[in-house]
Amino acid sequence: MLIIGIAGGTGSGKSTVVKKIQEILAKEDLVIIPQDSYYKDSSHLTPEQKAVQNFDHPESVDFDLLIEQLNELKEGRSVEQPVYSYVTCSRSKDETVKVNPAHIIIVEGILIFTNEQLRNLMDIKIFVDADADDRLARVIQRDIVERGKTVEQVLARYDHTVKPMHLQFIEPSKRYANIIIPQGGHNDVAIDILTATIEKALKKIKER
């Protein structure tokens, strides 16, 4: 099993890199573990508290559960991945997603390199880098379309949490990366090199 961590700032293009890797691998060979599924439940908070919740601080993530389930997958056991809603800021009490072990596991998220125990489980650590202006444009588009936010809400959150947390936690975590992909998900050359490395590793795993 090969465990790959893909980190980077909000809107950097991590999902684009993951999708391009998915395109070249068979479905049964790859499992994606998104950090977004492991945010701590906030259903107990008031609407006002939810509106200012900081999703960009390491304490917002249930790393204990993420690490536990990643270890379960390494041992060849399936896990029940939580389902989190950004709209309600809550973890579903009735719904989970069954995830089965695979040869390649990708852990993807903005804060995954901030946790040492999680980092130590990764064989390859990739940081997707992008200019702040490009990231902000993607965040605005995503949060309006997918999360029902207004432009004013997105910009306020960017100024109050996204930008300062990026500078405090996410940007410094880049030093842990084995590979840095500049220009985000638009760097086809870097992504081609990465996918070729993954394919080579997968071939070795299957030959064992």
C-alpha atoms as a PDB file:
ATOM      1  CA  MET A   1       0.000   0.000   0.000  1.00  0.00           C
ATOM      2  CA  LEU A   2       1.197   3.498  -0.891  1.00  0.00           C
ATOM      3  CA  ILE A   3      -0.178   6.434   1.123  1.00  0.00           C
ATOM      4  CA  ILE A   4       0.041   9.839  -0.564  1.00  0.00           C
ATOM      5  CA  GLY A   5      -0.730  13.132   1.151  1.00  0.00           C
ATOM      6  CA  ILE A   6      -1.850  16.043  -1.011  1.00  0.00           C
ATOM      7  CA  ALA A   7      -1.993  19.371   0.821  1.00  0.00           C
ATOM      8  CA  GLY A   8      -2.153  23.034  -0.174  1.00  0.00           C
ATOM      9  CA  GLY A   9      -4.132  26.168   0.509  1.00  0.00           C
ATOM     10  CA  THR A  10      -7.868  26.542   0.027  1.00  0.00           C
ATOM     11  CA  GLY A  11      -8.518  26.844  -3.712  1.00  0.00           C
ATOM     12  CA  SER A  12      -4.989  25.829  -4.701  1.00  0.00           C
ATOM     13  CA  GLY A  13      -6.121  23.075  -7.063  1.00  0.00           C
ATOM     14  CA  LYS A  14      -5.711  19.979  -4.881  1.00  0.00           C
ATOM     15  CA  SER A  15      -8.964  18.474  -6.148  1.00  0.00           C
ATOM     16  CA  THR A  16      -7.820  18.971  -9.750  1.00  0.00           C
ATOM     17  CA  VAL A  17      -4.600  17.073  -9.049  1.00  0.00           C
ATOM     18  CA  VAL A  18      -6.545  14.269  -7.349  1.00  0.00           C
ATOM     19  CA  LYS A  19      -8.982  14.005 -10.277  1.00  0.00           C
ATOM     20  CA  LYS A  20      -6.124  13.730 -12.774  1.00  0.00           C
ATOM     21  CA  ILE A  21      -4.596  10.910 -10.723  1.00  0.00           C
ATOM     22  CA  GLN A  22      -8.008   9.191 -10.626  1.00  0.00           C
ATOM     23  CA  GLU A  23      -8.174   9.334 -14.407  1.00  0.00           C
ATOM     24  CA  ILE A  24      -5.082   7.169 -14.847  1.00  0.00           C
ATOM     25  CA  LEU A  25      -5.736   4.566 -12.150  1.00  0.00           C
ATOM     26  CA  ALA A  26      -8.313   1.807 -12.015  1.00  0.00           C
ATOM     27  CA  LYS A  27     -11.103   2.525  -9.541  1.00  0.00           C
ATOM     28  CA  GLU A  28     -10.282  -0.525  -7.409  1.00  0.00           C
ATOM     29  CA  ASP A  29      -6.630   0.558  -7.044  1.00  0.00           C
ATOM     30  CA  LEU A  30      -7.326   3.964  -5.490  1.00  0.00           C
ATOM     31  CA  VAL A  31      -9.065   5.339  -2.403  1.00  0.00           C
ATOM     32  CA  ILE A  32      -9.484   9.043  -1.634  1.00  0.00           C
ATOM     33  CA  ILE A  33      -9.611  10.141   2.018  1.00  0.00           C
ATOM     34  CA  PRO A  34     -10.715  13.807   2.126  1.00  0.00           C
ATOM     35  CA  GLN A  35      -9.890  15.819   5.226  1.00  0.00           C
ATOM     36  CA  ASP A  36     -13.237  17.595   4.745  1.00  0.00           C
ATOM     37  CA  SER A  37     -15.054  14.452   5.889  1.00  0.00           C
ATOM     38  CA  TYR A  38     -13.358  14.639   9.286  1.00  0.00           C
ATOM     39  CA  TYR A  39     -14.323  18.077  10.524  1.00  0.00           C
ATOM     40  CA  LYS A  40     -15.597  17.966  14.079  1.00  0.00           C
ATOM     41  CA  ASP A  41     -19.364  18.027  14.496  1.00  0.00           C
ATOM     42  CA  SER A  42     -20.718  21.514  15.206  1.00  0.00           C
ATOM     43  CA  SER A  43     -24.437  20.786  15.304  1.00  0.00           C
ATOM     44  CA  HIS A  44     -24.538  22.039  18.897  1.00  0.00           C
ATOM     45  CA  LEU A  45     -23.488  25.564  17.898  1.00  0.00           C
ATOM     46  CA  THR A  46     -25.879  28.450  17.273  1.00  0.00           C
ATOM     47  CA  PRO A  47     -26.334  29.757  13.703  1.00  0.00           C
ATOM     48  CA  GLU A  48     -24.278  32.822  14.672  1.00  0.00           C
ATOM     49  CA  GLN A  49     -21.426  30.630  15.935  1.00  0.00           C
ATOM     50  CA  LYS A  50     -21.541  28.454  12.823  1.00  0.00           C
ATOM     51  CA  ALA A  51     -21.330  31.538  10.617  1.00  0.00           C
ATOM     52  CA  VAL A  52     -17.910  32.426  12.048  1.00  0.00           C
ATOM     53  CA  GLN A  53     -16.573  28.885  12.478  1.00  0.00           C
ATOM     54  CA  ASN A  54     -12.893  28.557  11.605  1.00  0.00           C
ATOM     55  CA  PHE A  55     -12.472  25.576   9.256  1.00  0.00           C
ATOM     56  CA  ASP A  56      -8.830  26.498   8.603  1.00  0.00           C
ATOM     57  CA  HIS A  57      -7.458  25.811  12.096  1.00  0.00           C
ATOM     58  CA  PRO A  58      -6.008  22.352  12.884  1.00  0.00           C
ATOM     59  CA  GLU A  59      -8.261  22.049  15.949  1.00  0.00           C
ATOM     60  CA  SER A  60     -11.314  21.960  13.658  1.00  0.00           C
ATOM     61  CA  VAL A  61     -10.283  18.538  12.307  1.00  0.00           C
ATOM     62  CA  ASP A  62     -10.858  15.210  14.066  1.00  0.00           C
ATOM     63  CA  PHE A  63      -7.340  13.963  13.382  1.00  0.00           C
ATOM     64  CA  ASP A  64      -7.695  11.132  15.893  1.00  0.00           C
ATOM     65  CA  LEU A  65     -10.478   9.523  13.857  1.00  0.00           C
ATOM     66  CA  LEU A  66      -8.712  10.184  10.553  1.00  0.00           C
ATOM     67  CA  ILE A  67      -5.511   8.531  11.797  1.00  0.00           C
ATOM     68  CA  GLU A  68      -7.449   5.633  13.326  1.00  0.00           C
ATOM     69  CA  GLN A  69      -9.284   4.912  10.081  1.00  0.00           C
ATOM     70  CA  LEU A  70      -6.150   5.277   7.972  1.00  0.00           C
ATOM     71  CA  ASN A  71      -4.434   2.700  10.158  1.00  0.00           C
ATOM     72  CA  GLU A  72      -7.453   0.398   9.785  1.00  0.00           C
ATOM     73  CA  LEU A  73      -7.148   0.646   5.995  1.00  0.00           C
ATOM     74  CA  LYS A  74      -3.418  -0.105   6.238  1.00  0.00           C
ATOM     75  CA  GLU A  75      -4.327  -3.270   8.140  1.00  0.00           C
ATOM     76  CA  GLY A  76      -6.654  -4.295   5.320  1.00  0.00           C
ATOM     77  CA  ARG A  77      -9.922  -3.484   7.075  1.00  0.00           C
ATOM     78  CA  SER A  78     -12.800  -1.396   5.715  1.00  0.00           C
ATOM     79  CA  VAL A  79     -13.903   1.767   7.543  1.00  0.00           C
ATOM     80  CA  GLU A  80     -17.066   3.839   7.816  1.00  0.00           C
ATOM     81  CA  GLN A  81     -16.018   7.330   6.771  1.00  0.00           C
ATOM     82  CA  PRO A  82     -18.086  10.162   8.282  1.00  0.00           C
ATOM     83  CA  VAL A  83     -20.213  12.484   6.150  1.00  0.00           C
ATOM     84  CA  TYR A  84     -19.876  16.189   6.921  1.00  0.00           C
ATOM     85  CA  SER A  85     -22.049  19.025   5.615  1.00  0.00           C
ATOM     86  CA  TYR A  86     -20.651  22.540   5.237  1.00  0.00           C
ATOM     87  CA  VAL A  87     -24.194  23.846   4.878  1.00  0.00           C
ATOM     88  CA  THR A  88     -25.304  22.637   8.337  1.00  0.00           C
ATOM     89  CA  CYS A  89     -21.793  22.475   9.875  1.00  0.00           C
ATOM     90  CA  SER A  90     -22.613  19.032  11.197  1.00  0.00           C
ATOM     91  CA  ARG A  91     -21.584  15.403  10.839  1.00  0.00           C
ATOM     92  CA  SER A  92     -24.376  13.073   9.762  1.00  0.00           C
ATOM     93  CA  LYS A  93     -25.592  10.823  12.582  1.00  0.00           C
ATOM     94  CA  ASP A  94     -27.250   8.320  10.236  1.00  0.00           C
ATOM     95  CA  GLU A  95     -25.037   8.249   7.175  1.00  0.00           C
ATOM     96  CA  THR A  96     -21.460   7.089   6.566  1.00  0.00           C
ATOM     97  CA  VAL A  97     -19.486   6.041   3.499  1.00  0.00           C
ATOM     98  CA  LYS A  98     -17.919   2.580   3.459  1.00  0.00           C
ATOM     99  CA  VAL A  99     -14.309   2.763   2.315  1.00  0.00           C
ATOM    100  CA  ASN A 100     -12.409  -0.374   1.385  1.00  0.00           C
ATOM    101  CA  PRO A 101      -8.598  -0.792   1.375  1.00  0.00           C
ATOM    102  CA  ALA A 102      -6.754  -0.210  -1.898  1.00  0.00           C
ATOM    103  CA  HIS A 103      -3.191  -0.245  -3.229  1.00  0.00           C
ATOM    104  CA  ILE A 104      -3.061   3.573  -3.352  1.00  0.00           C
ATOM    105  CA  ILE A 105      -4.578   5.795  -0.668  1.00  0.00           C
ATOM    106  CA  ILE A 106      -4.660   9.567  -1.168  1.00  0.00           C
ATOM    107  CA  VAL A 107      -5.260  11.753   1.883  1.00  0.00           C
ATOM    108  CA  GLU A 108      -6.246  15.217   0.692  1.00  0.00           C
ATOM    109  CA  GLY A 109      -6.780  18.444   2.630  1.00  0.00           C
ATOM    110  CA  ILE A 110      -5.455  21.850   3.594  1.00  0.00           C
ATOM    111  CA  LEU A 111      -4.261  20.882   7.091  1.00  0.00           C
ATOM    112  CA  ILE A 112      -3.039  17.309   6.727  1.00  0.00           C
ATOM    113  CA  PHE A 113       0.658  18.231   7.009  1.00  0.00           C
ATOM    114  CA  THR A 114       0.115  20.092  10.297  1.00  0.00           C
ATOM    115  CA  ASN A 115      -0.309  16.826  12.204  1.00  0.00           C
ATOM    116  CA  GLU A 116       2.953  14.944  12.784  1.00  0.00           C
ATOM    117  CA  GLN A 117       1.333  11.568  13.471  1.00  0.00           C
ATOM    118  CA  LEU A 118      -0.628  11.778  10.235  1.00  0.00           C
ATOM    119  CA  ARG A 119       2.415  12.919   8.266  1.00  0.00           C
ATOM    120  CA  ASN A 120       4.366   9.916   9.499  1.00  0.00           C
ATOM    121  CA  LEU A 121       1.837   7.570   7.894  1.00  0.00           C
ATOM    122  CA  MET A 122       2.457   9.069   4.442  1.00  0.00           C
ATOM    123  CA  ASP A 123       4.935   7.651   1.938  1.00  0.00           C
ATOM    124  CA  ILE A 124       4.779  10.669  -0.386  1.00  0.00           C
ATOM    125  CA  LYS A 125       3.820  14.202   0.629  1.00  0.00           C
ATOM    126  CA  ILE A 126       2.753  16.639  -2.108  1.00  0.00           C
ATOM    127  CA  PHE A 127       2.017  20.349  -1.676  1.00  0.00           C
ATOM    128  CA  VAL A 128      -0.071  22.035  -4.376  1.00  0.00           C
ATOM    129  CA  ASP A 129       0.965  25.681  -4.526  1.00  0.00           C
ATOM    130  CA  ALA A 130      -0.865  28.594  -6.153  1.00  0.00           C
ATOM    131  CA  ASP A 131      -0.926  32.401  -6.039  1.00  0.00           C
ATOM    132  CA  ALA A 132      -3.205  33.946  -3.422  1.00  0.00           C
ATOM    133  CA  ASP A 133      -5.286  35.756  -6.080  1.00  0.00           C
ATOM    134  CA  ASP A 134      -5.945  32.530  -7.960  1.00  0.00           C
ATOM    135  CA  ARG A 135      -6.906  30.743  -4.757  1.00  0.00           C
ATOM    136  CA  LEU A 136      -9.297  33.516  -3.725  1.00  0.00           C
ATOM    137  CA  ALA A 137     -11.052  33.455  -7.111  1.00  0.00           C
ATOM    138  CA  ARG A 138     -11.621  29.691  -6.816  1.00  0.00           C
ATOM    139  CA  VAL A 139     -12.815  30.005  -3.225  1.00  0.00           C
ATOM    140  CA  ILE A 140     -15.387  32.642  -4.176  1.00  0.00           C
ATOM    141  CA  GLN A 141     -16.753  30.519  -7.015  1.00  0.00           C
ATOM    142  CA  ARG A 142     -16.829  27.302  -4.965  1.00  0.00           C
ATOM    143  CA  ASP A 143     -18.397  28.727  -1.819  1.00  0.00           C
ATOM    144  CA  ILE A 144     -21.153  30.508  -3.734  1.00  0.00           C
ATOM    145  CA  VAL A 145     -22.050  27.503  -5.903  1.00  0.00           C
ATOM    146  CA  GLU A 146     -21.463  24.606  -3.477  1.00  0.00           C
ATOM    147  CA  ARG A 147     -21.979  26.122  -0.032  1.00  0.00           C
ATOM    148  CA  GLY A 148     -24.671  28.732  -0.565  1.00  0.00           C
ATOM    149  CA  LYS A 149     -22.548  31.691   0.567  1.00  0.00           C
ATOM    150  CA  THR A 150     -22.735  35.286  -0.644  1.00  0.00           C
ATOM    151  CA  VAL A 151     -19.713  37.133  -2.023  1.00  0.00           C
ATOM    152  CA  GLU A 152     -19.663  39.288   1.116  1.00  0.00           C
ATOM    153  CA  GLN A 153     -19.640  36.213   3.364  1.00  0.00           C
ATOM    154  CA  VAL A 154     -16.825  34.589   1.380  1.00  0.00           C
ATOM    155  CA  LEU A 155     -14.650  37.721   1.451  1.00  0.00           C
ATOM    156  CA  ALA A 156     -15.261  38.243   5.178  1.00  0.00           C
ATOM    157  CA  ARG A 157     -14.283  34.638   5.917  1.00  0.00           C
ATOM    158  CA  TYR A 158     -11.210  34.964   3.703  1.00  0.00           C
ATOM    159  CA  ASP A 159     -10.006  38.056   5.587  1.00  0.00           C
ATOM    160  CA  HIS A 160     -10.814  36.753   9.080  1.00  0.00           C
ATOM    161  CA  THR A 161      -9.800  33.097   8.882  1.00  0.00           C
ATOM    162  CA  VAL A 162      -8.665  31.743   5.497  1.00  0.00           C
ATOM    163  CA  LYS A 163      -5.787  34.164   4.876  1.00  0.00           C
ATOM    164  CA  PRO A 164      -4.383  34.357   8.441  1.00  0.00           C
ATOM    165  CA  MET A 165      -4.695  30.582   8.963  1.00  0.00           C
ATOM    166  CA  HIS A 166      -2.999  29.950   5.627  1.00  0.00           C
ATOM    167  CA  LEU A 167      -0.055  32.095   6.708  1.00  0.00           C
ATOM    168  CA  GLN A 168       0.087  30.586  10.208  1.00  0.00           C
ATOM    169  CA  PHE A 169      -0.458  26.887   9.504  1.00  0.00           C
ATOM    170  CA  ILE A 170      -0.769  25.859   5.864  1.00  0.00           C
ATOM    171  CA  GLU A 171       2.050  27.747   4.150  1.00  0.00           C
ATOM    172  CA  PRO A 172       4.614  26.671   6.810  1.00  0.00           C
ATOM    173  CA  SER A 173       3.562  23.019   6.382  1.00  0.00           C
ATOM    174  CA  LYS A 174       4.927  23.159   2.834  1.00  0.00           C
ATOM    175  CA  ARG A 175       8.370  22.397   4.267  1.00  0.00           C
ATOM    176  CA  TYR A 176       7.268  18.824   4.944  1.00  0.00           C
ATOM    177  CA  ALA A 177       6.473  18.131   1.285  1.00  0.00           C
ATOM    178  CA  ASN A 178       8.570  15.813  -0.852  1.00  0.00           C
ATOM    179  CA  ILE A 179       7.115  17.353  -4.004  1.00  0.00           C
ATOM    180  CA  ILE A 180       5.776  20.887  -4.567  1.00  0.00           C
ATOM    181  CA  ILE A 181       3.515  21.508  -7.550  1.00  0.00           C
ATOM    182  CA  PRO A 182       3.535  25.215  -8.477  1.00  0.00           C
ATOM    183  CA  GLN A 183       0.667  26.787 -10.472  1.00  0.00           C
ATOM    184  CA  GLY A 184      -1.845  24.512  -8.779  1.00  0.00           C
ATOM    185  CA  GLY A 185      -3.820  22.042 -10.837  1.00  0.00           C
ATOM    186  CA  HIS A 186      -2.782  23.698 -14.104  1.00  0.00           C
ATOM    187  CA  ASN A 187       0.786  22.368 -13.997  1.00  0.00           C
ATOM    188  CA  ASP A 188       0.352  19.458 -16.401  1.00  0.00           C
ATOM    189  CA  VAL A 189       4.080  18.668 -16.550  1.00  0.00           C
ATOM    190  CA  ALA A 190       4.378  18.241 -12.780  1.00  0.00           C
ATOM    191  CA  ILE A 191       1.160  16.217 -12.624  1.00  0.00           C
ATOM    192  CA  ASP A 192       2.367  13.948 -15.445  1.00  0.00           C
ATOM    193  CA  ILE A 193       5.610  13.277 -13.529  1.00  0.00           C
ATOM    194  CA  LEU A 194       3.608  12.580 -10.374  1.00  0.00           C
ATOM    195  CA  THR A 195       1.199  10.185 -12.057  1.00  0.00           C
ATOM    196  CA  ALA A 196       4.088   8.355 -13.711  1.00  0.00           C
ATOM    197  CA  THR A 197       5.710   7.925 -10.278  1.00  0.00           C
ATOM    198  CA  ILE A 198       2.453   6.570  -8.854  1.00  0.00           C
ATOM    199  CA  GLU A 199       1.978   4.156 -11.755  1.00  0.00           C
ATOM    200  CA  LYS A 200       5.531   2.864 -11.273  1.00  0.00           C
ATOM    201  CA  ALA A 201       4.948   2.364  -7.546  1.00  0.00           C
ATOM    202  CA  LEU A 202       1.629   0.616  -8.204  1.00  0.00           C
ATOM    203  CA  LYS A 203       3.305  -1.785 -10.618  1.00  0.00           C
ATOM    204  CA  LYS A 204       5.886  -2.720  -7.953  1.00  0.00           C
ATOM    205  CA  ILE A 205       3.136  -3.244  -5.362  1.00  0.00           C
ATOM    206  CA  LYS A 206       1.249  -5.613  -7.668  1.00  0.00           C
ATOM    207  CA  GLU A 207       4.409  -7.572  -8.484  1.00  0.00           C
ATOM    208  CA  ARG A 208       5.088  -8.397  -4.829  1.00  0.00           C
END
